[in-house]
Amino acid sequence: MLREITIGQYYPVSSLIHRLDPRVKIIGTLVYIVSLFLFDSFWGLAVAVVFLGGVLILSKVPLTYILKGLKPVLILLAMTVLFNFFLTPGELIFQFWIFKITKEGLYRGAFFGFRLILLILGSSLTTFTTTPVQMTDGLERLMKPLTWIGVPVHDVAMMMSIALRFIPILLEETDKIMKAQQARGADFESGNVFRRIKAMVPIFIPLLLSAFRRAFDLALAMEARCYRGGKGRTKMRPLRYHARDYFAYLFMAAYLTIVIVLRRWL
């Protein structure tokens, strides 16, 4: 099951979105996230769905592969929907004990749940179409003005990129440890919540040791290659804007303009 989680993974395919500059994709993700919070109706989210659908088609990433990224946040999604169902005052529809479901609660729960789904799908598309190296370079270039106030931009970008890259690696390691423990008779499914948490201890300890070992090996490899941070370093493939990147910026500006106009109109 853990192998099906796609957070932080790169999907290698030749597409227009993959060939875009990583700075364009990072800024586009921020624009998309901002647009989701500018609307308070499903009509507004419909515009975001059309925009996201067009980008997904251009990226050539299968929809089934993208939807797998929702599995780790199903609990958060369910909690968001249920809290809005039961804690939003308004016209009463159903009541059981202290739990009340209102018409306004149903609307807000469905709206916020749908918005969260769009947020996860849109933001995960950046990692699907951008390699860790490109992500590091893009973040470093975008945060370069922060160097004027003494922020170690290259180190921050490197840490964020390594963290994203380690997510699928640790998930794969967790899956291996769980299968090894189950082969030895471990049971992670039966019992109450406390018993299941206790059964996870034999997984957390070797996983923690494996994470420290991988981090140490990575640090040793970087040191063996004389890595000393971003100062004075050159890029094998320097980031340069192309015509497609400028068209992407124009497309994002048009989308944001439409969102702002529709917000005032709706």
C-alpha atoms as a PDB file:
ATOM      1  CA  MET A   1       0.000   0.000   0.000  1.00  0.00           C
ATOM      2  CA  LEU A   2       2.793   2.428   0.855  1.00  0.00           C
ATOM      3  CA  ARG A   3       4.340   1.893  -2.568  1.00  0.00           C
ATOM      4  CA  GLU A   4       1.231   3.473  -4.093  1.00  0.00           C
ATOM      5  CA  ILE A   5       1.872   6.811  -2.352  1.00  0.00           C
ATOM      6  CA  THR A   6       3.209   9.237  -4.936  1.00  0.00           C
ATOM      7  CA  ILE A   7       4.077  12.300  -2.828  1.00  0.00           C
ATOM      8  CA  GLY A   8       7.444  13.759  -3.800  1.00  0.00           C
ATOM      9  CA  GLN A   9       7.981  11.384  -6.722  1.00  0.00           C
ATOM     10  CA  TYR A  10       9.000  12.433 -10.215  1.00  0.00           C
ATOM     11  CA  TYR A  11       7.076  11.025 -13.179  1.00  0.00           C
ATOM     12  CA  PRO A  12       9.474  10.849 -16.148  1.00  0.00           C
ATOM     13  CA  VAL A  13       7.721  11.646 -19.425  1.00  0.00           C
ATOM     14  CA  SER A  14       8.276  14.105 -22.247  1.00  0.00           C
ATOM     15  CA  SER A  15       5.716  16.903 -22.051  1.00  0.00           C
ATOM     16  CA  LEU A  16       5.438  20.651 -22.322  1.00  0.00           C
ATOM     17  CA  ILE A  17       5.043  21.030 -18.550  1.00  0.00           C
ATOM     18  CA  HIS A  18       8.147  18.939 -17.899  1.00  0.00           C
ATOM     19  CA  ARG A  19      10.173  21.190 -20.206  1.00  0.00           C
ATOM     20  CA  LEU A  20       9.112  24.399 -18.488  1.00  0.00           C
ATOM     21  CA  ASP A  21      11.571  26.251 -16.298  1.00  0.00           C
ATOM     22  CA  PRO A  22      11.192  25.123 -12.645  1.00  0.00           C
ATOM     23  CA  ARG A  23      10.727  28.754 -11.604  1.00  0.00           C
ATOM     24  CA  VAL A  24       7.664  28.950 -13.840  1.00  0.00           C
ATOM     25  CA  LYS A  25       6.171  25.835 -12.252  1.00  0.00           C
ATOM     26  CA  ILE A  26       6.836  27.005  -8.696  1.00  0.00           C
ATOM     27  CA  ILE A  27       5.313  30.438  -9.350  1.00  0.00           C
ATOM     28  CA  GLY A  28       2.419  28.805 -11.201  1.00  0.00           C
ATOM     29  CA  THR A  29       1.736  26.589  -8.198  1.00  0.00           C
ATOM     30  CA  LEU A  30       1.643  29.636  -5.914  1.00  0.00           C
ATOM     31  CA  VAL A  31      -0.713  31.442  -8.302  1.00  0.00           C
ATOM     32  CA  TYR A  32      -2.990  28.403  -8.406  1.00  0.00           C
ATOM     33  CA  ILE A  33      -3.052  28.081  -4.600  1.00  0.00           C
ATOM     34  CA  VAL A  34      -3.879  31.786  -4.209  1.00  0.00           C
ATOM     35  CA  SER A  35      -6.693  31.472  -6.755  1.00  0.00           C
ATOM     36  CA  LEU A  36      -8.298  28.651  -4.753  1.00  0.00           C
ATOM     37  CA  PHE A  37      -8.674  30.947  -1.730  1.00  0.00           C
ATOM     38  CA  LEU A  38     -10.126  33.844  -3.714  1.00  0.00           C
ATOM     39  CA  PHE A  39     -13.448  32.063  -4.233  1.00  0.00           C
ATOM     40  CA  ASP A  40     -16.228  31.134  -1.832  1.00  0.00           C
ATOM     41  CA  SER A  41     -18.443  29.263  -4.294  1.00  0.00           C
ATOM     42  CA  PHE A  42     -18.325  26.153  -6.449  1.00  0.00           C
ATOM     43  CA  TRP A  43     -18.546  28.294  -9.580  1.00  0.00           C
ATOM     44  CA  GLY A  44     -15.160  29.768  -8.723  1.00  0.00           C
ATOM     45  CA  LEU A  45     -13.655  26.352  -8.060  1.00  0.00           C
ATOM     46  CA  ALA A  46     -14.978  25.244 -11.451  1.00  0.00           C
ATOM     47  CA  VAL A  47     -12.603  27.743 -13.067  1.00  0.00           C
ATOM     48  CA  ALA A  48      -9.718  26.235 -11.086  1.00  0.00           C
ATOM     49  CA  VAL A  49     -10.793  22.742 -12.209  1.00  0.00           C
ATOM     50  CA  VAL A  50     -10.682  23.798 -15.866  1.00  0.00           C
ATOM     51  CA  PHE A  51      -7.231  25.348 -15.383  1.00  0.00           C
ATOM     52  CA  LEU A  52      -5.903  22.303 -13.534  1.00  0.00           C
ATOM     53  CA  GLY A  53      -7.413  19.925 -16.094  1.00  0.00           C
ATOM     54  CA  GLY A  54      -5.681  21.732 -18.937  1.00  0.00           C
ATOM     55  CA  VAL A  55      -2.330  21.589 -17.147  1.00  0.00           C
ATOM     56  CA  LEU A  56      -2.774  17.884 -16.359  1.00  0.00           C
ATOM     57  CA  ILE A  57      -3.451  17.114 -20.010  1.00  0.00           C
ATOM     58  CA  LEU A  58      -0.332  19.016 -21.069  1.00  0.00           C
ATOM     59  CA  SER A  59       1.762  17.249 -18.399  1.00  0.00           C
ATOM     60  CA  LYS A  60       0.819  13.754 -19.694  1.00  0.00           C
ATOM     61  CA  VAL A  61       0.815  12.443 -16.118  1.00  0.00           C
ATOM     62  CA  PRO A  62      -1.941   9.801 -15.725  1.00  0.00           C
ATOM     63  CA  LEU A  63      -4.870  10.923 -13.610  1.00  0.00           C
ATOM     64  CA  THR A  64      -4.844   7.635 -11.681  1.00  0.00           C
ATOM     65  CA  TYR A  65      -1.223   8.242 -10.712  1.00  0.00           C
ATOM     66  CA  ILE A  66      -2.062  11.744  -9.482  1.00  0.00           C
ATOM     67  CA  LEU A  67      -5.097  10.594  -7.495  1.00  0.00           C
ATOM     68  CA  LYS A  68      -2.869   8.201  -5.532  1.00  0.00           C
ATOM     69  CA  GLY A  69      -1.402  11.290  -3.862  1.00  0.00           C
ATOM     70  CA  LEU A  70      -4.708  11.752  -2.013  1.00  0.00           C
ATOM     71  CA  LYS A  71      -4.323   8.555   0.006  1.00  0.00           C
ATOM     72  CA  PRO A  72      -1.996   9.969   2.701  1.00  0.00           C
ATOM     73  CA  VAL A  73      -4.400  12.870   3.400  1.00  0.00           C
ATOM     74  CA  LEU A  74      -7.699  10.990   3.434  1.00  0.00           C
ATOM     75  CA  ILE A  75      -7.910  11.300   7.231  1.00  0.00           C
ATOM     76  CA  LEU A  76      -7.249  15.059   7.088  1.00  0.00           C
ATOM     77  CA  LEU A  77      -9.801  15.382   4.294  1.00  0.00           C
ATOM     78  CA  ALA A  78     -12.422  13.432   6.254  1.00  0.00           C
ATOM     79  CA  MET A  79     -11.808  15.503   9.407  1.00  0.00           C
ATOM     80  CA  THR A  80     -12.172  18.752   7.435  1.00  0.00           C
ATOM     81  CA  VAL A  81     -15.487  17.643   5.969  1.00  0.00           C
ATOM     82  CA  LEU A  82     -16.906  16.246   9.232  1.00  0.00           C
ATOM     83  CA  PHE A  83     -15.946  19.276  11.336  1.00  0.00           C
ATOM     84  CA  ASN A  84     -17.767  21.544   8.894  1.00  0.00           C
ATOM     85  CA  PHE A  85     -20.759  19.200   8.838  1.00  0.00           C
ATOM     86  CA  PHE A  86     -21.234  19.234  12.611  1.00  0.00           C
ATOM     87  CA  LEU A  87     -19.875  22.633  13.723  1.00  0.00           C
ATOM     88  CA  THR A  88     -21.488  25.000  11.228  1.00  0.00           C
ATOM     89  CA  PRO A  89     -24.661  26.655  12.523  1.00  0.00           C
ATOM     90  CA  GLY A  90     -27.647  27.104  10.252  1.00  0.00           C
ATOM     91  CA  GLU A  91     -30.821  25.384   9.064  1.00  0.00           C
ATOM     92  CA  LEU A  92     -31.073  22.029  10.861  1.00  0.00           C
ATOM     93  CA  ILE A  93     -31.387  18.918   8.684  1.00  0.00           C
ATOM     94  CA  PHE A  94     -30.538  16.037  11.037  1.00  0.00           C
ATOM     95  CA  GLN A  95     -29.651  15.713  14.727  1.00  0.00           C
ATOM     96  CA  PHE A  96     -28.286  12.773  16.701  1.00  0.00           C
ATOM     97  CA  TRP A  97     -27.439  13.353  20.364  1.00  0.00           C
ATOM     98  CA  ILE A  98     -25.141  16.421  20.349  1.00  0.00           C
ATOM     99  CA  PHE A  99     -24.310  16.168  16.651  1.00  0.00           C
ATOM    100  CA  LYS A 100     -26.196  18.476  14.314  1.00  0.00           C
ATOM    101  CA  ILE A 101     -26.010  18.536  10.543  1.00  0.00           C
ATOM    102  CA  THR A 102     -27.133  21.757   8.921  1.00  0.00           C
ATOM    103  CA  LYS A 103     -27.707  22.802   5.347  1.00  0.00           C
ATOM    104  CA  GLU A 104     -24.910  25.343   5.597  1.00  0.00           C
ATOM    105  CA  GLY A 105     -22.628  22.692   7.138  1.00  0.00           C
ATOM    106  CA  LEU A 106     -23.161  20.334   4.221  1.00  0.00           C
ATOM    107  CA  TYR A 107     -22.313  23.106   1.783  1.00  0.00           C
ATOM    108  CA  ARG A 108     -19.203  24.259   3.650  1.00  0.00           C
ATOM    109  CA  GLY A 109     -17.988  20.692   4.210  1.00  0.00           C
ATOM    110  CA  ALA A 110     -18.324  19.806   0.541  1.00  0.00           C
ATOM    111  CA  PHE A 111     -16.771  23.117  -0.513  1.00  0.00           C
ATOM    112  CA  PHE A 112     -13.728  22.924   1.765  1.00  0.00           C
ATOM    113  CA  GLY A 113     -13.222  19.231   1.004  1.00  0.00           C
ATOM    114  CA  PHE A 114     -13.264  19.907  -2.737  1.00  0.00           C
ATOM    115  CA  ARG A 115     -10.921  22.861  -2.307  1.00  0.00           C
ATOM    116  CA  LEU A 116      -8.465  20.710  -0.331  1.00  0.00           C
ATOM    117  CA  ILE A 117      -8.504  18.053  -3.060  1.00  0.00           C
ATOM    118  CA  LEU A 118      -7.736  20.649  -5.731  1.00  0.00           C
ATOM    119  CA  LEU A 119      -4.985  22.107  -3.534  1.00  0.00           C
ATOM    120  CA  ILE A 120      -3.260  18.742  -3.121  1.00  0.00           C
ATOM    121  CA  LEU A 121      -3.578  17.769  -6.785  1.00  0.00           C
ATOM    122  CA  GLY A 122      -2.298  21.113  -8.036  1.00  0.00           C
ATOM    123  CA  SER A 123       0.660  21.350  -5.669  1.00  0.00           C
ATOM    124  CA  SER A 124       1.738  17.723  -6.185  1.00  0.00           C
ATOM    125  CA  LEU A 125       1.888  18.279  -9.938  1.00  0.00           C
ATOM    126  CA  THR A 126       5.046  20.359  -9.389  1.00  0.00           C
ATOM    127  CA  THR A 127       6.968  17.401  -7.961  1.00  0.00           C
ATOM    128  CA  PHE A 128       5.584  15.058 -10.630  1.00  0.00           C
ATOM    129  CA  THR A 129       7.031  17.227 -13.416  1.00  0.00           C
ATOM    130  CA  THR A 130      10.207  18.574 -11.773  1.00  0.00           C
ATOM    131  CA  THR A 131      13.327  16.647 -10.818  1.00  0.00           C
ATOM    132  CA  PRO A 132      14.906  17.274  -7.381  1.00  0.00           C
ATOM    133  CA  VAL A 133      17.881  19.028  -9.011  1.00  0.00           C
ATOM    134  CA  GLN A 134      15.608  21.339 -10.990  1.00  0.00           C
ATOM    135  CA  MET A 135      13.549  22.022  -7.879  1.00  0.00           C
ATOM    136  CA  THR A 136      16.672  23.009  -5.953  1.00  0.00           C
ATOM    137  CA  ASP A 137      17.873  25.315  -8.716  1.00  0.00           C
ATOM    138  CA  GLY A 138      14.457  26.908  -9.114  1.00  0.00           C
ATOM    139  CA  LEU A 139      13.989  27.548  -5.399  1.00  0.00           C
ATOM    140  CA  GLU A 140      17.503  28.940  -5.120  1.00  0.00           C
ATOM    141  CA  ARG A 141      16.997  31.389  -7.976  1.00  0.00           C
ATOM    142  CA  LEU A 142      13.603  32.531  -6.691  1.00  0.00           C
ATOM    143  CA  MET A 143      14.912  33.085  -3.165  1.00  0.00           C
ATOM    144  CA  LYS A 144      18.133  34.745  -4.300  1.00  0.00           C
ATOM    145  CA  PRO A 145      17.030  38.254  -3.125  1.00  0.00           C
ATOM    146  CA  LEU A 146      17.004  36.887   0.438  1.00  0.00           C
ATOM    147  CA  THR A 147      20.797  36.624   0.321  1.00  0.00           C
ATOM    148  CA  TRP A 148      20.886  40.399   0.782  1.00  0.00           C
ATOM    149  CA  ILE A 149      19.685  39.924   4.369  1.00  0.00           C
ATOM    150  CA  GLY A 150      22.017  37.006   5.090  1.00  0.00           C
ATOM    151  CA  VAL A 151      19.697  34.054   4.419  1.00  0.00           C
ATOM    152  CA  PRO A 152      21.629  30.932   3.230  1.00  0.00           C
ATOM    153  CA  VAL A 153      19.395  30.467   0.208  1.00  0.00           C
ATOM    154  CA  HIS A 154      21.316  27.580  -1.348  1.00  0.00           C
ATOM    155  CA  ASP A 155      21.325  25.584   1.894  1.00  0.00           C
ATOM    156  CA  VAL A 156      17.590  26.142   2.407  1.00  0.00           C
ATOM    157  CA  ALA A 157      16.784  25.096  -1.162  1.00  0.00           C
ATOM    158  CA  MET A 158      19.022  22.036  -0.835  1.00  0.00           C
ATOM    159  CA  MET A 159      17.348  20.944   2.406  1.00  0.00           C
ATOM    160  CA  MET A 160      13.864  21.344   0.915  1.00  0.00           C
ATOM    161  CA  SER A 161      14.841  19.352  -2.161  1.00  0.00           C
ATOM    162  CA  ILE A 162      16.429  16.558  -0.098  1.00  0.00           C
ATOM    163  CA  ALA A 163      13.337  16.405   2.130  1.00  0.00           C
ATOM    164  CA  LEU A 164      11.080  15.986  -0.905  1.00  0.00           C
ATOM    165  CA  ARG A 165      13.378  13.346  -2.344  1.00  0.00           C
ATOM    166  CA  PHE A 166      13.504  11.379   0.921  1.00  0.00           C
ATOM    167  CA  ILE A 167       9.703  11.044   1.167  1.00  0.00           C
ATOM    168  CA  PRO A 168       9.332   8.229  -1.415  1.00  0.00           C
ATOM    169  CA  ILE A 169      12.575   6.614  -0.223  1.00  0.00           C
ATOM    170  CA  LEU A 170      11.383   6.427   3.394  1.00  0.00           C
ATOM    171  CA  LEU A 171       7.948   5.202   2.303  1.00  0.00           C
ATOM    172  CA  GLU A 172       9.571   2.404   0.337  1.00  0.00           C
ATOM    173  CA  GLU A 173      11.790   1.564   3.329  1.00  0.00           C
ATOM    174  CA  THR A 174       8.729   1.501   5.610  1.00  0.00           C
ATOM    175  CA  ASP A 175       6.968  -0.886   3.248  1.00  0.00           C
ATOM    176  CA  LYS A 176       9.977  -3.241   3.274  1.00  0.00           C
ATOM    177  CA  ILE A 177      10.187  -3.199   7.081  1.00  0.00           C
ATOM    178  CA  MET A 178       6.461  -3.868   7.470  1.00  0.00           C
ATOM    179  CA  LYS A 179       6.605  -6.842   5.114  1.00  0.00           C
ATOM    180  CA  ALA A 180       9.656  -8.201   6.942  1.00  0.00           C
ATOM    181  CA  GLN A 181       7.879  -7.877  10.308  1.00  0.00           C
ATOM    182  CA  GLN A 182       4.700  -9.476   8.942  1.00  0.00           C
ATOM    183  CA  ALA A 183       6.775 -12.393   7.649  1.00  0.00           C
ATOM    184  CA  ARG A 184       7.934 -12.863  11.244  1.00  0.00           C
ATOM    185  CA  GLY A 185       4.348 -12.955  12.522  1.00  0.00           C
ATOM    186  CA  ALA A 186       3.732  -9.287  13.356  1.00  0.00           C
ATOM    187  CA  ASP A 187       0.095  -8.135  13.260  1.00  0.00           C
ATOM    188  CA  PHE A 188      -0.629  -4.492  12.440  1.00  0.00           C
ATOM    189  CA  GLU A 189      -4.349  -4.777  11.662  1.00  0.00           C
ATOM    190  CA  SER A 190      -6.098  -6.341  14.677  1.00  0.00           C
ATOM    191  CA  GLY A 191      -6.700  -4.896  18.132  1.00  0.00           C
ATOM    192  CA  ASN A 192      -7.652  -1.451  19.401  1.00  0.00           C
ATOM    193  CA  VAL A 193      -5.903   1.817  18.620  1.00  0.00           C
ATOM    194  CA  PHE A 194      -3.369   1.538  21.454  1.00  0.00           C
ATOM    195  CA  ARG A 195      -2.427  -2.000  20.477  1.00  0.00           C
ATOM    196  CA  ARG A 196      -1.892  -0.944  16.864  1.00  0.00           C
ATOM    197  CA  ILE A 197       0.291   1.968  17.956  1.00  0.00           C
ATOM    198  CA  LYS A 198       2.352  -0.383  20.120  1.00  0.00           C
ATOM    199  CA  ALA A 199       2.698  -2.772  17.171  1.00  0.00           C
ATOM    200  CA  MET A 200       4.227   0.057  15.111  1.00  0.00           C
ATOM    201  CA  VAL A 201       7.219   0.409  17.455  1.00  0.00           C
ATOM    202  CA  PRO A 202       9.187  -2.386  15.700  1.00  0.00           C
ATOM    203  CA  ILE A 203       8.753  -0.340  12.502  1.00  0.00           C
ATOM    204  CA  PHE A 204       9.696   3.103  13.791  1.00  0.00           C
ATOM    205  CA  ILE A 205      13.014   2.069  15.362  1.00  0.00           C
ATOM    206  CA  PRO A 206      14.568   0.423  12.252  1.00  0.00           C
ATOM    207  CA  LEU A 207      13.074   3.161  10.075  1.00  0.00           C
ATOM    208  CA  LEU A 208      14.720   5.827  12.235  1.00  0.00           C
ATOM    209  CA  LEU A 209      18.045   4.005  12.097  1.00  0.00           C
ATOM    210  CA  SER A 210      17.727   3.647   8.324  1.00  0.00           C
ATOM    211  CA  ALA A 211      16.971   7.364   7.933  1.00  0.00           C
ATOM    212  CA  PHE A 212      20.057   8.316   9.968  1.00  0.00           C
ATOM    213  CA  ARG A 213      22.181   5.877   7.962  1.00  0.00           C
ATOM    214  CA  ARG A 214      20.980   7.321   4.668  1.00  0.00           C
ATOM    215  CA  ALA A 215      21.562  10.863   5.900  1.00  0.00           C
ATOM    216  CA  PHE A 216      25.084   9.953   7.008  1.00  0.00           C
ATOM    217  CA  ASP A 217      25.834   8.278   3.649  1.00  0.00           C
ATOM    218  CA  LEU A 218      24.518  11.329   1.811  1.00  0.00           C
ATOM    219  CA  ALA A 219      26.635  13.689   3.915  1.00  0.00           C
ATOM    220  CA  LEU A 220      29.700  11.497   3.345  1.00  0.00           C
ATOM    221  CA  ALA A 221      29.095  11.426  -0.412  1.00  0.00           C
ATOM    222  CA  MET A 222      28.682  15.211  -0.547  1.00  0.00           C
ATOM    223  CA  GLU A 223      31.862  15.691   1.456  1.00  0.00           C
ATOM    224  CA  ALA A 224      33.774  13.265  -0.802  1.00  0.00           C
ATOM    225  CA  ARG A 225      32.728  15.418  -3.752  1.00  0.00           C
ATOM    226  CA  CYS A 226      34.068  18.535  -2.000  1.00  0.00           C
ATOM    227  CA  TYR A 227      30.632  20.061  -1.505  1.00  0.00           C
ATOM    228  CA  ARG A 228      30.955  23.366   0.353  1.00  0.00           C
ATOM    229  CA  GLY A 229      27.609  25.071  -0.252  1.00  0.00           C
ATOM    230  CA  GLY A 230      26.466  27.348  -3.036  1.00  0.00           C
ATOM    231  CA  LYS A 231      29.169  30.001  -2.910  1.00  0.00           C
ATOM    232  CA  GLY A 232      31.314  29.904  -6.027  1.00  0.00           C
ATOM    233  CA  ARG A 233      29.492  26.900  -7.487  1.00  0.00           C
ATOM    234  CA  THR A 234      28.581  26.710 -11.164  1.00  0.00           C
ATOM    235  CA  LYS A 235      25.637  24.922 -12.772  1.00  0.00           C
ATOM    236  CA  MET A 236      25.926  22.133 -15.297  1.00  0.00           C
ATOM    237  CA  ARG A 237      22.614  23.266 -16.814  1.00  0.00           C
ATOM    238  CA  PRO A 238      22.023  26.939 -15.926  1.00  0.00           C
ATOM    239  CA  LEU A 239      18.380  28.001 -15.848  1.00  0.00           C
ATOM    240  CA  ARG A 240      17.381  30.096 -18.840  1.00  0.00           C
ATOM    241  CA  TYR A 241      13.948  31.267 -19.860  1.00  0.00           C
ATOM    242  CA  HIS A 242      12.636  30.227 -23.267  1.00  0.00           C
ATOM    243  CA  ALA A 243       9.666  31.377 -25.317  1.00  0.00           C
ATOM    244  CA  ARG A 244       7.438  28.686 -23.795  1.00  0.00           C
ATOM    245  CA  ASP A 245       8.217  30.007 -20.304  1.00  0.00           C
ATOM    246  CA  TYR A 246       7.123  33.538 -21.203  1.00  0.00           C
ATOM    247  CA  PHE A 247       3.919  32.177 -22.745  1.00  0.00           C
ATOM    248  CA  ALA A 248       3.322  30.242 -19.527  1.00  0.00           C
ATOM    249  CA  TYR A 249       3.698  33.458 -17.510  1.00  0.00           C
ATOM    250  CA  LEU A 250       1.188  35.199 -19.812  1.00  0.00           C
ATOM    251  CA  PHE A 251      -1.197  32.270 -19.384  1.00  0.00           C
ATOM    252  CA  MET A 252      -0.894  32.474 -15.594  1.00  0.00           C
ATOM    253  CA  ALA A 253      -1.473  36.235 -15.655  1.00  0.00           C
ATOM    254  CA  ALA A 254      -4.589  35.750 -17.797  1.00  0.00           C
ATOM    255  CA  TYR A 255      -5.856  33.039 -15.445  1.00  0.00           C
ATOM    256  CA  LEU A 256      -5.310  35.198 -12.365  1.00  0.00           C
ATOM    257  CA  THR A 257      -7.046  38.127 -14.063  1.00  0.00           C
ATOM    258  CA  ILE A 258     -10.058  35.938 -14.872  1.00  0.00           C
ATOM    259  CA  VAL A 259     -10.148  34.718 -11.270  1.00  0.00           C
ATOM    260  CA  ILE A 260     -10.126  38.266  -9.876  1.00  0.00           C
ATOM    261  CA  VAL A 261     -12.816  39.450 -12.314  1.00  0.00           C
ATOM    262  CA  LEU A 262     -15.045  36.454 -11.580  1.00  0.00           C
ATOM    263  CA  ARG A 263     -14.582  36.950  -7.846  1.00  0.00           C
ATOM    264  CA  ARG A 264     -15.944  40.488  -8.086  1.00  0.00           C
ATOM    265  CA  TRP A 265     -18.744  39.396 -10.430  1.00  0.00           C
ATOM    266  CA  LEU A 266     -19.792  36.301  -8.458  1.00  0.00           C
END
